[in-house]
Amino acid sequence: MSEYAINLIWDADAFVWIATSNDIPGLVLESGSFDALVERVRYAVPELLELNGLVRSDVPLCFTSERHERAYA
């Protein structure tokens, strides 16, 4: 695998970013800060990969974010 895809989605009801991945079993993290969540993911991914028997010396990550909002006049 060239990169592990990480999805970051804004939950407007809870006011948090949520990180998940189809490539990394068990990855579900949340944070009120986008940058803090990216850092949490960077530290959690190697541990999760090891727990799933997918150990790598370097772990390339590709973050995709999605946020839906409403504009009011």
N, C-alpha and C. Protein backbone atom coordinates (compact mmCIF):
# COMPACT_ATOMS: atom_id res chain seq x y z
N MET A 1 0.85 -1.18 0.00
CA MET A 1 0.00 0.00 0.00
C MET A 1 0.89 1.23 0.00
N SER A 2 0.61 2.17 -0.89
CA SER A 2 1.45 3.36 -0.98
C SER A 2 1.11 4.38 0.12
N GLU A 3 -0.16 4.60 0.41
CA GLU A 3 -0.58 5.53 1.45
C GLU A 3 -1.80 4.96 2.16
N TYR A 4 -1.93 5.31 3.41
CA TYR A 4 -3.13 4.96 4.17
C TYR A 4 -4.07 6.16 4.12
N ALA A 5 -5.30 5.94 3.70
CA ALA A 5 -6.29 7.01 3.57
C ALA A 5 -6.99 7.23 4.91
N ILE A 6 -6.97 8.48 5.35
CA ILE A 6 -7.62 8.87 6.60
C ILE A 6 -8.71 9.87 6.25
N ASN A 7 -9.93 9.61 6.72
CA ASN A 7 -11.06 10.50 6.47
C ASN A 7 -11.34 11.33 7.71
N LEU A 8 -11.37 12.64 7.56
CA LEU A 8 -11.69 13.55 8.65
C LEU A 8 -13.01 14.24 8.31
N ILE A 9 -14.01 14.03 9.16
CA ILE A 9 -15.35 14.57 8.89
C ILE A 9 -15.80 15.39 10.09
N TRP A 10 -16.34 16.57 9.82
CA TRP A 10 -16.83 17.45 10.86
C TRP A 10 -18.23 17.02 11.29
N ASP A 11 -18.44 16.83 12.59
CA ASP A 11 -19.75 16.52 13.15
C ASP A 11 -20.29 17.82 13.74
N ALA A 12 -21.19 18.48 13.02
CA ALA A 12 -21.70 19.79 13.43
C ALA A 12 -22.55 19.70 14.69
N ASP A 13 -23.15 18.56 14.96
CA ASP A 13 -23.97 18.41 16.17
C ASP A 13 -23.10 18.33 17.42
N ALA A 14 -21.98 17.62 17.32
CA ALA A 14 -21.08 17.43 18.47
C ALA A 14 -19.94 18.44 18.49
N PHE A 15 -19.77 19.21 17.41
CA PHE A 15 -18.69 20.19 17.28
C PHE A 15 -17.31 19.54 17.40
N VAL A 16 -17.13 18.41 16.71
CA VAL A 16 -15.84 17.72 16.71
C VAL A 16 -15.52 17.20 15.32
N TRP A 17 -14.22 17.05 15.05
CA TRP A 17 -13.74 16.35 13.87
C TRP A 17 -13.61 14.89 14.24
N ILE A 18 -13.97 13.99 13.33
CA ILE A 18 -13.88 12.54 13.56
C ILE A 18 -12.99 11.95 12.48
N ALA A 19 -12.03 11.13 12.91
CA ALA A 19 -11.11 10.46 11.99
C ALA A 19 -11.45 8.97 11.92
N THR A 20 -11.58 8.46 10.69
CA THR A 20 -11.78 7.03 10.46
C THR A 20 -10.96 6.63 9.24
N SER A 21 -10.82 5.32 9.05
CA SER A 21 -10.09 4.84 7.89
C SER A 21 -10.53 3.43 7.54
N ASN A 22 -10.77 3.19 6.26
CA ASN A 22 -11.05 1.83 5.79
C ASN A 22 -9.77 1.01 5.71
N ASP A 23 -8.62 1.68 5.68
CA ASP A 23 -7.33 1.02 5.56
C ASP A 23 -6.75 0.58 6.90
N ILE A 24 -7.21 1.19 7.98
CA ILE A 24 -6.63 0.93 9.31
C ILE A 24 -7.74 0.51 10.26
N PRO A 25 -7.90 -0.80 10.46
CA PRO A 25 -8.95 -1.29 11.36
C PRO A 25 -8.80 -0.70 12.76
N GLY A 26 -9.90 -0.23 13.32
CA GLY A 26 -9.91 0.28 14.68
C GLY A 26 -9.68 1.77 14.80
N LEU A 27 -9.38 2.45 13.71
CA LEU A 27 -9.12 3.89 13.81
C LEU A 27 -10.43 4.65 13.88
N VAL A 28 -10.71 5.19 15.05
CA VAL A 28 -11.83 6.09 15.27
C VAL A 28 -11.39 7.04 16.37
N LEU A 29 -11.11 8.28 16.00
CA LEU A 29 -10.67 9.30 16.96
C LEU A 29 -11.48 10.56 16.71
N GLU A 30 -11.57 11.41 17.74
CA GLU A 30 -12.25 12.68 17.57
C GLU A 30 -11.54 13.78 18.33
N SER A 31 -11.74 15.01 17.88
CA SER A 31 -11.17 16.18 18.54
C SER A 31 -11.91 17.41 18.07
N GLY A 32 -11.97 18.42 18.92
CA GLY A 32 -12.57 19.69 18.55
C GLY A 32 -11.67 20.51 17.64
N SER A 33 -10.40 20.13 17.55
CA SER A 33 -9.43 20.85 16.73
C SER A 33 -8.95 19.96 15.59
N PHE A 34 -8.98 20.50 14.38
CA PHE A 34 -8.53 19.76 13.19
C PHE A 34 -7.06 19.37 13.35
N ASP A 35 -6.21 20.35 13.69
CA ASP A 35 -4.77 20.08 13.80
C ASP A 35 -4.46 19.09 14.92
N ALA A 36 -5.16 19.20 16.04
CA ALA A 36 -4.95 18.25 17.13
C ALA A 36 -5.34 16.84 16.71
N LEU A 37 -6.39 16.71 15.92
CA LEU A 37 -6.81 15.39 15.45
C LEU A 37 -5.78 14.79 14.51
N VAL A 38 -5.22 15.59 13.62
CA VAL A 38 -4.18 15.09 12.73
C VAL A 38 -3.00 14.56 13.54
N GLU A 39 -2.61 15.27 14.59
CA GLU A 39 -1.51 14.81 15.45
C GLU A 39 -1.86 13.52 16.17
N ARG A 40 -3.07 13.43 16.68
CA ARG A 40 -3.51 12.19 17.36
C ARG A 40 -3.47 11.01 16.41
N VAL A 41 -3.91 11.22 15.17
CA VAL A 41 -3.90 10.16 14.17
C VAL A 41 -2.46 9.72 13.89
N ARG A 42 -1.56 10.69 13.73
CA ARG A 42 -0.15 10.37 13.43
C ARG A 42 0.47 9.48 14.50
N TYR A 43 0.07 9.66 15.77
CA TYR A 43 0.62 8.84 16.84
C TYR A 43 -0.13 7.51 17.00
N ALA A 44 -1.41 7.48 16.68
CA ALA A 44 -2.21 6.26 16.87
C ALA A 44 -2.01 5.24 15.75
N VAL A 45 -1.78 5.70 14.53
CA VAL A 45 -1.71 4.80 13.38
C VAL A 45 -0.63 3.72 13.51
N PRO A 46 0.61 4.05 13.85
CA PRO A 46 1.62 2.98 13.96
C PRO A 46 1.23 1.91 14.98
N GLU A 47 0.66 2.34 16.10
CA GLU A 47 0.23 1.37 17.11
C GLU A 47 -0.89 0.48 16.59
N LEU A 48 -1.87 1.07 15.92
CA LEU A 48 -2.98 0.28 15.36
C LEU A 48 -2.48 -0.68 14.28
N LEU A 49 -1.55 -0.23 13.46
CA LEU A 49 -1.01 -1.12 12.42
C LEU A 49 -0.29 -2.30 13.06
N GLU A 50 0.47 -2.04 14.13
CA GLU A 50 1.17 -3.12 14.82
C GLU A 50 0.16 -4.10 15.42
N LEU A 51 -0.88 -3.58 16.05
CA LEU A 51 -1.90 -4.45 16.63
C LEU A 51 -2.61 -5.30 15.58
N ASN A 52 -2.68 -4.80 14.35
CA ASN A 52 -3.32 -5.53 13.26
C ASN A 52 -2.32 -6.35 12.44
N GLY A 53 -1.07 -6.41 12.90
CA GLY A 53 -0.05 -7.21 12.20
C GLY A 53 0.44 -6.59 10.91
N LEU A 54 0.34 -5.28 10.79
CA LEU A 54 0.73 -4.57 9.57
C LEU A 54 1.86 -3.59 9.86
N VAL A 55 2.91 -4.04 10.51
CA VAL A 55 3.99 -3.16 10.94
C VAL A 55 4.75 -2.60 9.75
N ARG A 56 5.04 -1.29 9.81
CA ARG A 56 5.84 -0.61 8.79
C ARG A 56 6.79 0.35 9.48
N SER A 57 7.93 0.61 8.86
CA SER A 57 8.89 1.54 9.46
C SER A 57 8.48 2.99 9.25
N ASP A 58 7.89 3.28 8.11
CA ASP A 58 7.33 4.61 7.89
C ASP A 58 5.90 4.43 7.40
N VAL A 59 5.06 5.35 7.76
CA VAL A 59 3.64 5.21 7.46
C VAL A 59 3.14 6.45 6.73
N PRO A 60 3.06 6.39 5.40
CA PRO A 60 2.54 7.54 4.65
C PRO A 60 1.02 7.64 4.81
N LEU A 61 0.57 8.84 5.16
CA LEU A 61 -0.86 9.07 5.38
C LEU A 61 -1.39 10.10 4.39
N CYS A 62 -2.61 9.89 3.94
CA CYS A 62 -3.29 10.85 3.07
C CYS A 62 -4.59 11.25 3.76
N PHE A 63 -4.66 12.52 4.19
CA PHE A 63 -5.84 13.02 4.90
C PHE A 63 -6.81 13.67 3.91
N THR A 64 -8.08 13.29 4.03
CA THR A 64 -9.15 13.91 3.27
C THR A 64 -10.16 14.44 4.27
N SER A 65 -10.50 15.74 4.16
CA SER A 65 -11.45 16.31 5.11
C SER A 65 -12.73 16.71 4.40
N GLU A 66 -13.79 16.69 5.20
CA GLU A 66 -15.12 17.03 4.68
C GLU A 66 -15.87 17.78 5.77
N ARG A 67 -16.39 18.93 5.38
CA ARG A 67 -17.18 19.73 6.33
C ARG A 67 -18.31 20.41 5.58
N HIS A 68 -19.52 20.22 6.08
CA HIS A 68 -20.69 20.83 5.47
C HIS A 68 -21.23 21.88 6.42
N GLU A 69 -21.52 23.06 5.89
CA GLU A 69 -22.04 24.17 6.69
C GLU A 69 -23.20 24.82 5.92
N ARG A 70 -23.90 25.68 6.62
CA ARG A 70 -24.97 26.49 6.00
C ARG A 70 -24.59 27.95 6.10
N ALA A 71 -24.90 28.69 5.07
CA ALA A 71 -24.71 30.14 5.09
C ALA A 71 -26.08 30.77 5.28
N TYR A 72 -26.14 31.74 6.18
CA TYR A 72 -27.41 32.41 6.47
C TYR A 72 -27.32 33.86 6.03
N ALA A 73 -28.41 34.34 5.46
CA ALA A 73 -28.46 35.73 5.01
C ALA A 73 -28.94 36.63 6.11
